[in-house]
Protein backbone atom coordinates (compact mmCIF):
# COMPACT_ATOMS: atom_id res chain seq x y z
CA MET A 1 99.72 171.54 80.48
CA ASN A 2 102.63 173.75 81.18
CA LEU A 3 104.71 172.20 78.57
CA ILE A 4 101.92 172.71 75.95
CA LEU A 5 101.60 176.41 76.86
CA SER A 6 105.40 176.87 76.71
CA LEU A 7 105.43 175.34 73.22
CA LEU A 8 102.60 177.70 72.05
CA LEU A 9 104.30 180.76 73.38
CA ALA A 10 107.72 179.77 71.89
CA VAL A 11 106.09 179.33 68.40
CA LEU A 12 104.40 182.69 68.74
CA PHE A 13 107.55 184.55 70.16
CA PHE A 14 110.07 183.25 67.85
CA GLY A 15 107.82 183.28 64.79
CA SER A 16 106.91 186.93 65.23
CA ARG A 17 110.43 187.82 65.89
CA THR A 18 111.67 186.16 62.73
CA LEU A 19 108.96 187.90 60.69
CA LEU A 20 109.94 191.33 62.12
CA LEU A 21 113.58 190.74 61.44
CA ALA A 22 112.89 189.66 57.84
CA GLY A 23 111.08 192.78 56.95
CA SER A 24 109.04 193.10 53.69
CA GLY A 25 111.71 191.36 51.47
CA GLU A 26 110.69 189.07 48.58
CA SER A 27 110.84 185.32 49.41
CA SER A 28 112.11 182.61 47.33
CA ALA A 29 111.48 178.65 46.96
CA GLU A 30 107.99 178.92 45.68
CA ILE A 31 107.86 175.14 45.68
CA LEU A 32 107.32 175.52 49.41
CA LEU A 33 104.07 177.35 48.72
CA HIS A 34 102.77 174.94 46.04
CA SER A 35 99.84 172.72 47.41
CA PRO A 36 101.24 169.16 47.73
CA HIS A 37 98.04 167.34 47.31
CA PRO A 38 94.62 167.75 45.48
CA ARG A 39 92.62 167.60 48.64
CA PRO A 40 93.97 170.57 50.50
CA LEU A 41 94.03 172.56 47.18
CA SER A 42 90.39 171.91 46.61
CA MET A 43 89.66 173.35 50.05
CA ALA A 44 91.59 176.32 49.40
CA GLU A 45 94.42 175.20 51.60
CA ALA A 46 92.43 175.86 54.85
CA TYR A 47 94.25 172.99 56.31
CA SER A 48 96.19 173.90 59.49
CA ALA A 49 93.53 172.35 61.80
CA ILE A 50 92.94 169.14 59.98
CA PRO A 51 94.71 166.03 61.51
CA ALA A 52 96.33 163.55 59.24
CA ASN A 53 93.83 160.76 60.29
CA GLU A 54 91.11 162.93 58.68
CA GLY A 55 92.80 164.92 55.97
CA GLY A 56 95.68 162.66 55.06
CA ILE A 57 99.51 162.68 55.42
CA ALA A 58 100.06 165.68 53.27
CA ALA A 59 98.56 167.78 56.09
CA ILE A 60 102.08 167.98 57.56
CA ASN A 61 102.90 170.77 54.97
CA TYR A 62 100.31 173.00 56.72
CA ASN A 63 100.91 171.83 60.27
CA PRO A 64 103.56 169.24 61.36
CA ALA A 65 101.48 168.30 64.38
CA ALA A 66 98.91 166.82 62.15
CA THR A 67 100.77 163.42 62.09
CA GLY A 68 100.25 163.20 65.95
CA PHE A 69 96.74 161.82 65.21
CA LEU A 70 97.74 159.33 62.50
CA ASN A 71 96.43 155.87 63.45
CA ALA A 72 97.77 153.69 60.53
CA SER A 73 100.69 153.85 58.07
CA GLU A 74 99.91 155.90 54.91
CA VAL A 75 101.69 156.36 51.55
CA THR A 76 100.46 158.99 48.97
CA PHE A 77 101.99 160.37 45.77
CA THR A 78 100.83 162.86 43.21
CA GLY A 79 102.04 164.10 39.79
CA GLU A 80 101.03 167.23 37.89
CA ARG A 81 102.02 168.41 34.32
CA GLY A 82 101.34 172.02 33.26
CA PHE A 83 102.04 174.19 30.42
CA SER A 84 105.43 174.68 28.83
CA ASP A 85 106.89 171.49 30.46
CA GLN A 86 106.12 172.50 33.97
CA ASN A 87 106.03 169.48 36.29
CA PHE A 88 105.28 168.90 39.96
CA GLY A 89 105.43 165.75 42.00
CA THR A 90 105.20 164.55 45.57
CA LEU A 91 105.58 161.47 47.58
CA PHE A 92 104.48 161.26 51.30
CA TYR A 93 104.99 158.50 53.89
CA GLY A 94 103.80 158.26 57.56
CA TYR A 95 104.35 155.46 60.14
CA PRO A 96 103.00 155.37 63.63
CA THR A 97 105.14 153.91 66.38
CA ARG A 98 104.77 153.66 70.18
CA TRP A 99 107.11 156.78 70.43
CA GLY A 100 105.13 158.99 68.04
CA VAL A 101 104.71 159.15 64.28
CA PHE A 102 107.50 159.28 61.96
CA ALA A 103 106.91 160.76 58.39
CA GLY A 104 108.63 162.19 55.39
CA ASP A 105 108.03 163.46 51.91
CA VAL A 106 109.82 164.49 48.68
CA LEU A 107 108.72 167.51 46.62
CA TYR A 108 110.04 167.94 43.13
CA SER A 109 109.27 170.87 40.53
CA THR A 110 110.45 171.99 37.15
CA LEU A 111 109.46 175.26 35.62
CA GLY A 112 109.83 174.71 31.82
CA ASN A 113 112.68 174.83 29.46
CA LEU A 114 114.99 177.45 27.96
CA GLU A 115 116.66 177.50 24.58
CA LEU A 116 120.15 178.72 24.93
CA SER A 117 123.16 179.30 22.49
CA ASP A 118 126.90 178.82 23.07
CA THR A 119 129.67 181.01 21.54
CA SER A 120 129.70 178.85 18.38
CA GLY A 121 126.02 179.44 17.79
CA LYS A 122 124.90 175.91 18.70
CA THR A 123 121.66 175.82 20.52
CA TYR A 124 120.76 173.60 23.36
CA THR A 125 117.96 173.16 25.82
CA VAL A 126 117.99 173.41 29.66
CA LYS A 127 115.62 173.35 32.50
CA ALA A 128 114.70 177.03 33.37
CA GLN A 129 114.44 175.98 37.14
CA GLU A 130 114.44 172.61 38.99
CA ASP A 131 113.50 172.47 42.74
CA TYR A 132 113.33 169.73 45.15
CA VAL A 133 112.59 169.49 48.92
CA ILE A 134 113.32 166.54 51.24
CA GLU A 135 111.47 166.57 54.48
CA THR A 136 111.35 164.55 57.61
CA ASN A 137 108.58 164.89 60.28
CA PHE A 138 107.82 163.81 63.83
CA GLY A 139 104.43 164.18 65.44
CA LYS A 140 103.41 163.09 68.86
CA ARG A 141 100.39 163.37 71.14
CA LEU A 142 101.33 165.29 74.28
CA VAL A 143 97.96 164.21 75.79
CA LYS A 144 95.04 162.43 74.34
CA ASN A 145 93.65 165.42 72.42
CA ILE A 146 96.77 167.56 71.81
CA SER A 147 99.60 166.84 69.54
CA ALA A 148 102.89 168.86 68.63
CA GLY A 149 105.13 168.25 65.65
CA ILE A 150 108.21 169.40 63.81
CA ASN A 151 109.34 169.26 60.13
CA LEU A 152 113.05 169.34 59.03
CA LYS A 153 113.70 170.00 55.43
CA MET A 154 116.39 170.68 52.84
CA ILE A 155 115.47 172.86 49.97
CA ARG A 156 117.66 172.84 46.65
CA THR A 157 116.97 174.84 43.60
CA THR A 158 118.91 175.05 40.21
CA LEU A 159 118.57 177.80 37.58
CA ALA A 160 119.33 176.93 34.06
CA GLU A 161 121.13 173.83 35.22
CA THR A 162 124.02 176.14 36.23
CA ILE A 163 123.31 178.19 39.33
CA THR A 164 122.50 176.15 42.48
CA ALA A 165 121.30 177.16 45.90
CA SER A 166 120.35 175.27 49.07
CA ALA A 167 118.74 176.05 52.27
CA PHE A 168 117.69 174.31 55.50
CA ALA A 169 114.48 175.03 57.35
CA ALA A 170 112.02 173.80 60.02
CA ASP A 171 108.36 173.83 60.72
CA LEU A 172 106.74 173.88 64.22
CA GLY A 173 103.05 173.15 65.02
CA VAL A 174 100.48 172.38 67.55
CA MET A 175 97.05 170.93 67.12
CA ILE A 176 94.11 170.24 69.61
CA ILE A 177 90.83 168.36 69.29
CA HIS A 178 87.80 168.90 71.32
CA GLN A 179 84.79 166.86 70.56
CA LYS A 180 83.77 167.96 66.91
CA TRP A 181 86.19 170.87 66.96
CA ARG A 182 89.92 171.09 65.86
CA GLY A 183 92.34 173.95 66.28
CA GLY A 184 95.81 174.32 64.76
CA LEU A 185 98.75 176.72 64.96
CA SER A 186 101.89 176.44 62.83
CA PHE A 187 104.90 178.42 61.80
CA THR A 188 106.70 177.06 58.65
CA ASN A 189 109.82 177.55 56.62
CA VAL A 190 111.96 178.96 59.39
CA GLY A 191 115.53 178.69 58.13
CA SER A 192 118.61 179.77 56.18
CA LYS A 193 118.49 181.88 52.91
CA LEU A 194 118.91 180.56 49.48
CA LYS A 195 122.11 182.11 48.13
CA TYR A 196 122.67 182.43 44.33
CA VAL A 197 126.11 183.56 43.74
CA ASP A 198 126.22 186.87 45.59
CA GLN A 199 122.37 187.26 46.01
CA GLU A 200 120.49 185.91 48.96
CA GLU A 201 116.69 185.25 49.05
CA SER A 202 114.57 184.46 52.01
CA LEU A 203 112.28 181.46 52.43
CA PRO A 204 108.55 182.09 52.65
CA GLN A 205 108.14 181.95 56.38
CA THR A 206 104.39 181.54 57.13
CA TYR A 207 102.08 181.71 60.07
CA ARG A 208 98.89 179.67 60.10
CA LEU A 209 96.16 179.64 62.66
CA GLY A 210 93.25 177.50 61.76
CA ILE A 211 89.87 175.90 63.17
CA SER A 212 87.83 173.05 61.69
CA ARG A 213 84.69 171.14 62.69
CA VAL A 214 83.53 167.65 61.79
CA ASP A 215 79.95 166.69 61.63
CA THR A 216 77.83 163.71 60.61
CA VAL A 217 74.95 164.90 58.36
CA GLY A 218 72.25 162.41 59.07
CA SER A 219 72.77 159.24 57.17
CA TYR A 220 74.16 161.01 54.21
CA GLY A 221 77.93 161.39 55.09
CA ASP A 222 80.44 163.36 57.01
CA LEU A 223 81.20 167.13 56.56
CA ILE A 224 84.40 168.94 57.42
CA LEU A 225 84.48 172.80 57.56
CA SER A 226 87.71 174.62 57.95
CA GLY A 227 89.15 177.99 58.06
CA ASP A 228 92.54 179.58 58.22
CA VAL A 229 94.29 182.94 58.76
CA ILE A 230 97.64 183.05 57.02
CA LYS A 231 100.53 185.52 57.30
CA GLU A 232 103.43 185.19 54.94
CA ASN A 233 106.61 187.06 55.36
CA GLY A 234 106.40 190.51 53.83
CA LYS A 235 102.75 190.12 52.74
CA SER A 236 99.25 190.96 54.00
CA TYR A 237 97.12 188.72 56.04
CA LYS A 238 95.01 186.14 54.05
CA GLU A 239 91.92 184.16 55.00
CA ALA A 240 90.68 180.82 53.58
CA VAL A 241 87.68 178.61 54.19
CA GLY A 242 86.83 175.25 52.82
CA PHE A 243 84.56 172.32 53.04
CA ASP A 244 84.72 168.52 52.47
CA PHE A 245 81.66 166.33 52.28
CA VAL A 246 81.92 162.71 51.99
CA TRP A 247 78.72 161.14 50.78
CA ASN A 248 78.12 157.51 51.76
CA LYS A 249 81.85 157.13 52.40
CA GLN A 250 82.42 156.84 48.54
CA VAL A 251 82.18 160.19 46.87
CA SER A 252 83.74 163.57 48.04
CA PHE A 253 82.62 167.02 47.28
CA ARG A 254 85.04 169.78 48.13
CA GLY A 255 85.49 173.46 47.66
CA GLY A 256 87.10 176.55 49.19
CA TYR A 257 87.44 180.25 48.86
CA LYS A 258 90.62 182.42 49.38
CA PHE A 259 90.24 185.92 50.51
CA ASN A 260 92.55 188.96 49.81
CA GLN A 261 93.93 187.15 46.66
CA THR A 262 93.78 188.33 43.09
CA THR A 263 94.06 184.79 41.60
CA GLY A 264 92.92 181.25 42.66
CA GLN A 265 90.19 182.61 44.88
CA ILE A 266 87.69 179.82 44.22
CA ASN A 267 88.82 176.29 44.47
CA PHE A 268 87.01 172.82 44.05
């Protein structure tokens, strides 16, 4: 139990210290803030207290300790296509072992195309921005109902197929399960800055503190209720709540609401 308390204090101390040092500057690498899967997105991303065995392997993007409760191997992938040739895709994999759970993921994003001209007047098309993230995860139960986890990731972004920047970061998290309740604490995107030529931009370092509850609603199905408090570097606190009702183990109804945001408040 002393080890668990020490880990919690370390996450809180170093996380708050990093946020204070970073100040109120703008962050970069928006791909790190893009929801990696439709399920957490539909629940307003109130996901830091949902273990992977209940919410899927993509939960590691909100709390790396989520994999500590994964009981079976899992693979999931998604793809999105937006306006103006915007694309986003993910691939996740998790594998439990006797030492703990090893997992990883790849995120990929493009933000449309640009029409450019060279000195001779010839036009050509380039990708406005292309980002990808490669991430590894390790999660382990410290005791039966408490897990801890860590993500290590590399972020690479390219502007107009010309200017490239890279950064390395880590996520830390803990999660606890007590009967029907779950609690989670995570601090994500702690790492180096992205440097574009002579300009540096910080990563979106983020605190998450969450709680969730799982209930069986008679013979109808299972219900998950969740809530998160989120603090991103240089921005105000945000809150989010969500629910996931699985009827007869066949059909899911999900929804959520984000507070203190001007866009994307209601999700389903």
